[in-house]
Amino acid sequence: MDRLLILFIAALTGLSVIGCGTTAKEIQTRSQSEKAGVFTEVKGGGAIPKDFVELIIKANIKTHLEGYYMLESKESKHGKQKYPFLFNIDGEAARWEVDGIKDVKPAYDVEGKTSLDPEARDGYRYVLEKKIRLHAGSHKVFFGLPEDNYSSEVELSLKEGETSTLEFKPVYKTKKHPIRIPTFIKGINKYEVFLNDKQVL
């Protein structure tokens, strides 16, 4: 029975490794552009040209400080000055690196209890906001975090002449002790995606 249990755990571990490898390979593939001219970055205001839309893209993440995990690679971007976000829209890729700021939040509330805020404790926060212009219609938006081996994809339908906001909100993994609460210290579990404040993923 013990041997069967060991084999079962090994099989699960193998599946986990395969899944991570698939994500890393997908991120690497999507970091390369297959097309050009799908979108352009917009700075400032101005009228939206005919047949086009504008899309404001927002995403953020909080990471642990540099050196928090002893065995983490020195090449890791966690807690460093810049952190990369990857987007690929209909085959055109953009890697945007965002400056981080140290974000300090108390680990305990005013009553001395462990804070339930997923971003409690010291860390580095990175906030991305970009405005792009692209043709009206349907688009596939791939979102990836190369540093955290995470990716997701969402399909949007955008109407001509409108400005929409696409926001990626982090949901962190859960700490088990002393109580089960999500915390950025454990890394990303998933992102919830909102288009004009309406959840689409």
Protein backbone atom coordinates (compact mmCIF):
# COMPACT_ATOMS: atom_id res chain seq x y z
CA MET A 1 0.00 0.00 0.00
CA ASP A 2 2.83 2.40 0.89
CA ARG A 3 4.48 1.74 -2.45
CA LEU A 4 1.23 2.42 -4.30
CA LEU A 5 0.87 5.68 -2.41
CA ILE A 6 4.41 6.70 -3.34
CA LEU A 7 3.77 5.89 -7.00
CA PHE A 8 0.52 7.85 -6.90
CA ILE A 9 2.27 10.90 -5.44
CA ALA A 10 5.03 10.59 -8.03
CA ALA A 11 2.45 10.46 -10.81
CA LEU A 12 0.77 13.59 -9.50
CA THR A 13 4.12 15.35 -9.23
CA GLY A 14 4.90 14.36 -12.81
CA LEU A 15 1.62 15.82 -14.00
CA SER A 16 2.36 19.02 -12.11
CA VAL A 17 5.79 19.32 -13.72
CA ILE A 18 4.34 18.65 -17.17
CA GLY A 19 1.73 21.36 -16.59
CA CYS A 20 4.37 23.90 -15.56
CA GLY A 21 6.50 23.01 -18.58
CA THR A 22 3.53 23.50 -20.89
CA THR A 23 2.87 26.95 -19.43
CA ALA A 24 6.52 27.98 -19.73
CA LYS A 25 6.64 26.79 -23.34
CA GLU A 26 3.42 28.63 -24.15
CA ILE A 27 4.75 31.85 -22.62
CA GLN A 28 7.97 31.51 -24.60
CA THR A 29 6.02 30.93 -27.83
CA ARG A 30 3.64 33.83 -27.24
CA SER A 31 6.50 36.19 -26.44
CA GLN A 32 7.34 36.13 -30.17
CA SER A 33 5.23 38.16 -32.60
CA GLU A 34 3.69 36.36 -35.56
CA LYS A 35 2.06 39.57 -36.80
CA ALA A 36 2.73 43.31 -36.73
CA GLY A 37 0.45 46.32 -36.73
CA VAL A 38 -2.33 44.67 -34.73
CA PHE A 39 -2.21 47.44 -32.12
CA THR A 40 -0.34 50.64 -31.32
CA GLU A 41 0.35 52.18 -27.94
CA VAL A 42 -1.43 55.49 -27.38
CA LYS A 43 -0.14 58.30 -25.20
CA GLY A 44 -2.40 61.24 -24.53
CA GLY A 45 -5.92 61.93 -25.79
CA GLY A 46 -7.41 62.70 -29.19
CA ALA A 47 -10.27 61.37 -31.26
CA ILE A 48 -10.48 57.67 -32.04
CA PRO A 49 -10.16 57.08 -35.81
CA LYS A 50 -12.98 55.41 -37.74
CA ASP A 51 -13.10 51.60 -37.43
CA PHE A 52 -10.86 51.69 -34.35
CA VAL A 53 -11.23 51.32 -30.58
CA GLU A 54 -9.03 52.14 -27.63
CA LEU A 55 -8.31 49.64 -24.90
CA ILE A 56 -6.85 50.50 -21.51
CA ILE A 57 -5.02 47.48 -20.09
CA LYS A 58 -4.44 47.24 -16.35
CA ALA A 59 -2.63 44.55 -14.37
CA ASN A 60 -0.80 44.38 -11.07
CA ILE A 61 1.07 42.01 -8.82
CA LYS A 62 2.74 42.16 -5.42
CA THR A 63 5.78 39.96 -4.85
CA HIS A 64 7.93 39.09 -1.87
CA LEU A 65 11.09 41.08 -1.25
CA GLU A 66 14.38 40.10 -2.85
CA GLY A 67 16.05 37.35 -0.81
CA TYR A 68 12.87 36.29 1.03
CA TYR A 69 13.32 32.72 -0.23
CA MET A 70 16.90 31.53 0.25
CA LEU A 71 16.85 29.07 -2.65
CA GLU A 72 15.30 31.47 -5.18
CA SER A 73 17.46 32.23 -8.20
CA LYS A 74 19.34 35.52 -8.14
CA GLU A 75 18.01 36.07 -11.65
CA SER A 76 14.44 36.24 -10.32
CA LYS A 77 12.64 39.57 -10.83
CA HIS A 78 10.73 39.25 -7.55
CA GLY A 79 11.41 42.30 -5.39
CA LYS A 80 13.64 43.85 -8.07
CA GLN A 81 13.36 47.28 -9.69
CA LYS A 82 11.44 46.02 -12.74
CA TYR A 83 8.94 43.22 -13.34
CA PRO A 84 7.78 42.02 -16.80
CA PHE A 85 4.21 41.58 -18.02
CA LEU A 86 3.62 39.81 -21.35
CA PHE A 87 0.69 40.42 -23.69
CA ASN A 88 -0.01 38.91 -27.06
CA ILE A 89 -2.99 40.24 -29.00
CA ASP A 90 -3.97 38.34 -32.14
CA GLY A 91 -0.37 37.29 -32.69
CA GLU A 92 1.45 40.54 -31.86
CA ALA A 93 3.46 40.40 -28.64
CA ALA A 94 4.46 43.13 -26.20
CA ARG A 95 6.63 42.71 -23.12
CA TRP A 96 6.19 45.64 -20.78
CA GLU A 97 8.50 46.01 -17.78
CA VAL A 98 7.07 47.98 -14.87
CA ASP A 99 8.91 49.81 -12.11
CA GLY A 100 8.13 48.48 -8.66
CA ILE A 101 7.61 50.30 -5.40
CA LYS A 102 8.06 48.92 -1.90
CA ASP A 103 4.61 48.27 -0.45
CA VAL A 104 4.31 47.99 3.32
CA LYS A 105 1.12 46.77 4.99
CA PRO A 106 0.78 45.52 8.58
CA ALA A 107 0.65 41.77 9.13
CA TYR A 108 -1.84 42.22 11.99
CA ASP A 109 -5.01 44.25 12.40
CA VAL A 110 -5.75 46.72 15.20
CA GLU A 111 -6.93 43.86 17.42
CA GLY A 112 -3.67 41.98 17.00
CA LYS A 113 -5.19 39.30 14.75
CA THR A 114 -3.58 38.12 11.52
CA SER A 115 -4.62 40.46 8.71
CA LEU A 116 -6.95 38.94 6.11
CA ASP A 117 -5.63 41.33 3.45
CA PRO A 118 -3.94 39.16 0.75
CA GLU A 119 -1.31 41.89 0.34
CA ALA A 120 -0.48 42.32 4.03
CA ARG A 121 3.26 42.34 4.91
CA ASP A 122 6.23 43.95 3.19
CA GLY A 123 6.71 43.36 -0.51
CA TYR A 124 7.16 44.97 -3.91
CA ARG A 125 4.14 46.10 -5.92
CA TYR A 126 4.10 46.46 -9.70
CA VAL A 127 1.24 48.23 -11.50
CA LEU A 128 0.83 48.20 -15.28
CA GLU A 129 -1.44 50.56 -17.20
CA LYS A 130 -1.25 50.91 -20.97
CA LYS A 131 -3.59 52.36 -23.58
CA ILE A 132 -3.59 50.79 -27.02
CA ARG A 133 -5.52 51.38 -30.25
CA LEU A 134 -6.73 48.52 -32.46
CA HIS A 135 -9.46 47.68 -34.95
CA ALA A 136 -13.00 47.19 -33.69
CA GLY A 137 -14.22 43.60 -33.51
CA SER A 138 -13.15 40.37 -31.82
CA HIS A 139 -9.67 39.92 -30.38
CA LYS A 140 -7.81 37.25 -28.43
CA VAL A 141 -5.70 38.64 -25.59
CA PHE A 142 -3.02 36.40 -24.08
CA PHE A 143 -1.65 37.48 -20.70
CA GLY A 144 1.50 36.00 -19.23
CA LEU A 145 3.82 36.39 -16.27
CA PRO A 146 7.17 34.92 -17.39
CA GLU A 147 8.58 35.25 -13.85
CA ASP A 148 5.71 33.32 -12.26
CA ASN A 149 5.03 30.79 -15.00
CA TYR A 150 1.41 31.91 -15.31
CA SER A 151 -0.74 32.61 -18.35
CA SER A 152 -4.36 33.00 -19.38
CA GLU A 153 -6.25 34.03 -22.50
CA VAL A 154 -9.51 35.88 -23.01
CA GLU A 155 -11.54 36.76 -26.12
CA LEU A 156 -13.04 40.24 -26.39
CA SER A 157 -15.55 41.95 -28.66
CA LEU A 158 -14.91 45.70 -28.88
CA LYS A 159 -17.21 48.26 -30.48
CA GLU A 160 -16.01 50.93 -32.88
CA GLY A 161 -15.25 54.33 -31.38
CA GLU A 162 -15.39 53.18 -27.75
CA THR A 163 -12.75 53.19 -25.03
CA SER A 164 -12.82 50.05 -22.89
CA THR A 165 -10.86 48.94 -19.84
CA LEU A 166 -9.47 45.42 -19.52
CA GLU A 167 -8.24 44.69 -16.01
CA PHE A 168 -6.37 41.67 -14.62
CA LYS A 169 -6.77 41.31 -10.84
CA PRO A 170 -4.53 38.88 -8.95
CA VAL A 171 -5.81 36.06 -6.76
CA TYR A 172 -2.98 34.71 -4.60
CA LYS A 173 -2.30 31.19 -3.37
CA THR A 174 -3.47 30.20 0.09
CA LYS A 175 -1.35 29.91 3.21
CA LYS A 176 -2.47 26.96 5.36
CA HIS A 177 -1.08 27.93 8.76
CA PRO A 178 -2.16 29.22 11.18
CA ILE A 179 -5.31 29.98 9.15
CA ARG A 180 -6.14 29.47 5.49
CA ILE A 181 -5.88 32.87 3.84
CA PRO A 182 -4.60 33.97 0.44
CA THR A 183 -1.27 35.81 0.55
CA PHE A 184 1.02 37.27 -2.09
CA ILE A 185 3.96 35.61 -0.29
CA LYS A 186 2.81 32.27 -1.74
CA GLY A 187 2.59 33.60 -5.31
CA ILE A 188 -0.12 33.79 -7.95
CA ASN A 189 -2.99 31.31 -8.08
CA LYS A 190 -4.88 32.96 -10.95
CA TYR A 191 -6.09 36.27 -12.34
CA GLU A 192 -9.69 37.38 -12.56
CA VAL A 193 -10.32 39.37 -15.73
CA PHE A 194 -12.75 42.26 -16.05
CA LEU A 195 -13.91 44.19 -19.12
CA ASN A 196 -15.44 47.50 -18.12
CA ASP A 197 -15.87 46.18 -14.56
CA LYS A 198 -17.73 43.07 -15.74
CA GLN A 199 -15.95 39.77 -15.05
CA VAL A 200 -15.19 37.82 -18.21
CA LEU A 201 -12.77 35.21 -16.79
